[in-house]
Amino acid sequence: MGDQIEYFRAARDHYRSEHANNKAINLALIQQSGLKFRVTNNGECLVFRGPGKPKVDFYPSSGRWRDVGTSKRNYRGGAESFLTWYASQKGSV
């Protein structure tokens, strides 16, 4: 039983490390883009509410975002995909 516990602890630590890595990379890319956003939930969610754009919440640790406006659709792909998607929405940034 001790081996299984060690395995799951190692897997959990790896998962946390990957999320922290993803968060740092995605956050840096978003900040470099120059888009205005608000940070909520202790940095776990970036809220975009630009004029003429959809209302979007971006989660840097997973690289997913959610259109919370009209469609309420979930997307994935990281910061680069998000920035491409967001720029293609109504009203160019």
C-alpha atoms as a PDB file:
ATOM      1  CA  MET A   1       0.000   0.000   0.000  1.00  0.00           C
ATOM      2  CA  GLY A   2       2.932   2.336   0.706  1.00  0.00           C
ATOM      3  CA  ASP A   3       4.089   2.162  -2.934  1.00  0.00           C
ATOM      4  CA  GLN A   4       0.681   3.246  -4.185  1.00  0.00           C
ATOM      5  CA  ILE A   5       0.602   6.200  -1.834  1.00  0.00           C
ATOM      6  CA  GLU A   6       4.028   7.323  -3.034  1.00  0.00           C
ATOM      7  CA  TYR A   7       2.930   6.925  -6.650  1.00  0.00           C
ATOM      8  CA  PHE A   8      -0.167   9.088  -6.128  1.00  0.00           C
ATOM      9  CA  ARG A   9       1.819  11.703  -4.227  1.00  0.00           C
ATOM     10  CA  ALA A  10       4.340  11.881  -7.056  1.00  0.00           C
ATOM     11  CA  ALA A  11       1.529  12.137  -9.610  1.00  0.00           C
ATOM     12  CA  ARG A  12      -0.139  14.914  -7.587  1.00  0.00           C
ATOM     13  CA  ASP A  13       3.128  16.826  -7.306  1.00  0.00           C
ATOM     14  CA  HIS A  14       3.730  16.464 -11.047  1.00  0.00           C
ATOM     15  CA  TYR A  15       0.206  17.732 -11.786  1.00  0.00           C
ATOM     16  CA  ARG A  16       0.692  20.749  -9.524  1.00  0.00           C
ATOM     17  CA  SER A  17       4.057  21.485 -11.095  1.00  0.00           C
ATOM     18  CA  GLU A  18       2.603  21.352 -14.623  1.00  0.00           C
ATOM     19  CA  HIS A  19      -0.240  23.704 -13.661  1.00  0.00           C
ATOM     20  CA  ALA A  20       2.177  26.170 -12.084  1.00  0.00           C
ATOM     21  CA  ASN A  21       4.346  26.048 -15.219  1.00  0.00           C
ATOM     22  CA  ASN A  22       1.358  26.545 -17.521  1.00  0.00           C
ATOM     23  CA  LYS A  23       0.094  29.408 -15.386  1.00  0.00           C
ATOM     24  CA  ALA A  24       3.414  31.269 -15.558  1.00  0.00           C
ATOM     25  CA  ILE A  25       3.759  30.832 -19.327  1.00  0.00           C
ATOM     26  CA  ASN A  26       0.145  31.717 -20.139  1.00  0.00           C
ATOM     27  CA  LEU A  27       0.116  34.700 -17.795  1.00  0.00           C
ATOM     28  CA  ALA A  28       3.313  36.075 -19.337  1.00  0.00           C
ATOM     29  CA  LEU A  29       1.886  35.759 -22.873  1.00  0.00           C
ATOM     30  CA  ILE A  30      -1.360  37.488 -21.885  1.00  0.00           C
ATOM     31  CA  GLN A  31       0.505  40.313 -20.153  1.00  0.00           C
ATOM     32  CA  GLN A  32       2.736  40.829 -23.216  1.00  0.00           C
ATOM     33  CA  SER A  33      -0.332  41.092 -25.451  1.00  0.00           C
ATOM     34  CA  GLY A  34      -1.307  44.442 -23.964  1.00  0.00           C
ATOM     35  CA  LEU A  35      -4.961  43.446 -23.502  1.00  0.00           C
ATOM     36  CA  LYS A  36      -6.749  44.865 -20.485  1.00  0.00           C
ATOM     37  CA  PHE A  37      -8.018  42.326 -17.980  1.00  0.00           C
ATOM     38  CA  ARG A  38      -8.885  41.982 -14.317  1.00  0.00           C
ATOM     39  CA  VAL A  39      -7.420  39.258 -12.085  1.00  0.00           C
ATOM     40  CA  THR A  40      -9.836  37.371  -9.818  1.00  0.00           C
ATOM     41  CA  ASN A  41      -9.820  34.302  -7.598  1.00  0.00           C
ATOM     42  CA  ASN A  42      -6.256  34.858  -6.353  1.00  0.00           C
ATOM     43  CA  GLY A  43      -4.850  34.905  -9.867  1.00  0.00           C
ATOM     44  CA  GLU A  44      -6.669  31.787 -11.052  1.00  0.00           C
ATOM     45  CA  CYS A  45      -8.963  33.669 -13.444  1.00  0.00           C
ATOM     46  CA  LEU A  46      -8.366  36.565 -15.847  1.00  0.00           C
ATOM     47  CA  VAL A  47     -11.540  38.448 -16.709  1.00  0.00           C
ATOM     48  CA  PHE A  48     -11.786  40.165 -20.119  1.00  0.00           C
ATOM     49  CA  ARG A  49     -14.626  42.651 -20.640  1.00  0.00           C
ATOM     50  CA  GLY A  50     -13.551  44.736 -23.643  1.00  0.00           C
ATOM     51  CA  PRO A  51     -16.054  46.914 -25.508  1.00  0.00           C
ATOM     52  CA  GLY A  52     -17.426  45.140 -28.570  1.00  0.00           C
ATOM     53  CA  LYS A  53     -15.874  41.847 -27.445  1.00  0.00           C
ATOM     54  CA  PRO A  54     -17.412  38.803 -25.783  1.00  0.00           C
ATOM     55  CA  LYS A  55     -17.259  38.486 -21.997  1.00  0.00           C
ATOM     56  CA  VAL A  56     -14.496  35.952 -21.389  1.00  0.00           C
ATOM     57  CA  ASP A  57     -12.879  34.322 -18.366  1.00  0.00           C
ATOM     58  CA  PHE A  58      -9.404  32.853 -19.019  1.00  0.00           C
ATOM     59  CA  TYR A  59      -7.818  30.308 -16.666  1.00  0.00           C
ATOM     60  CA  PRO A  60      -4.017  30.504 -17.047  1.00  0.00           C
ATOM     61  CA  SER A  61      -3.192  27.289 -15.164  1.00  0.00           C
ATOM     62  CA  SER A  62      -5.244  25.124 -17.543  1.00  0.00           C
ATOM     63  CA  GLY A  63      -5.086  27.323 -20.652  1.00  0.00           C
ATOM     64  CA  ARG A  64      -8.861  27.183 -21.013  1.00  0.00           C
ATOM     65  CA  TRP A  65     -11.293  30.022 -21.420  1.00  0.00           C
ATOM     66  CA  ARG A  66     -15.007  30.446 -21.236  1.00  0.00           C
ATOM     67  CA  ASP A  67     -17.296  32.755 -23.151  1.00  0.00           C
ATOM     68  CA  VAL A  68     -19.598  33.790 -20.304  1.00  0.00           C
ATOM     69  CA  GLY A  69     -21.592  36.174 -22.466  1.00  0.00           C
ATOM     70  CA  THR A  70     -24.085  34.816 -24.919  1.00  0.00           C
ATOM     71  CA  SER A  71     -22.804  31.376 -25.901  1.00  0.00           C
ATOM     72  CA  LYS A  72     -21.309  30.212 -22.563  1.00  0.00           C
ATOM     73  CA  ARG A  73     -18.994  27.972 -24.545  1.00  0.00           C
ATOM     74  CA  ASN A  74     -15.731  26.534 -23.197  1.00  0.00           C
ATOM     75  CA  TYR A  75     -12.503  26.546 -25.218  1.00  0.00           C
ATOM     76  CA  ARG A  76      -8.974  25.221 -24.732  1.00  0.00           C
ATOM     77  CA  GLY A  77      -5.562  25.675 -26.274  1.00  0.00           C
ATOM     78  CA  GLY A  78      -3.547  28.001 -24.078  1.00  0.00           C
ATOM     79  CA  ALA A  79      -2.782  31.698 -24.246  1.00  0.00           C
ATOM     80  CA  GLU A  80      -1.685  31.732 -27.901  1.00  0.00           C
ATOM     81  CA  SER A  81      -4.947  30.142 -29.054  1.00  0.00           C
ATOM     82  CA  PHE A  82      -6.928  32.428 -26.791  1.00  0.00           C
ATOM     83  CA  LEU A  83      -5.266  35.571 -28.142  1.00  0.00           C
ATOM     84  CA  THR A  84      -5.899  34.462 -31.730  1.00  0.00           C
ATOM     85  CA  TRP A  85      -9.527  33.643 -30.948  1.00  0.00           C
ATOM     86  CA  TYR A  86     -10.131  36.877 -29.008  1.00  0.00           C
ATOM     87  CA  ALA A  87      -8.644  39.035 -31.784  1.00  0.00           C
ATOM     88  CA  SER A  88     -10.963  37.404 -34.311  1.00  0.00           C
ATOM     89  CA  GLN A  89     -14.077  38.283 -32.338  1.00  0.00           C
ATOM     90  CA  LYS A  90     -16.228  41.334 -33.102  1.00  0.00           C
ATOM     91  CA  GLY A  91     -14.291  44.570 -33.009  1.00  0.00           C
ATOM     92  CA  SER A  92     -10.567  44.050 -33.459  1.00  0.00           C
ATOM     93  CA  VAL A  93      -8.276  44.914 -30.549  1.00  0.00           C
END
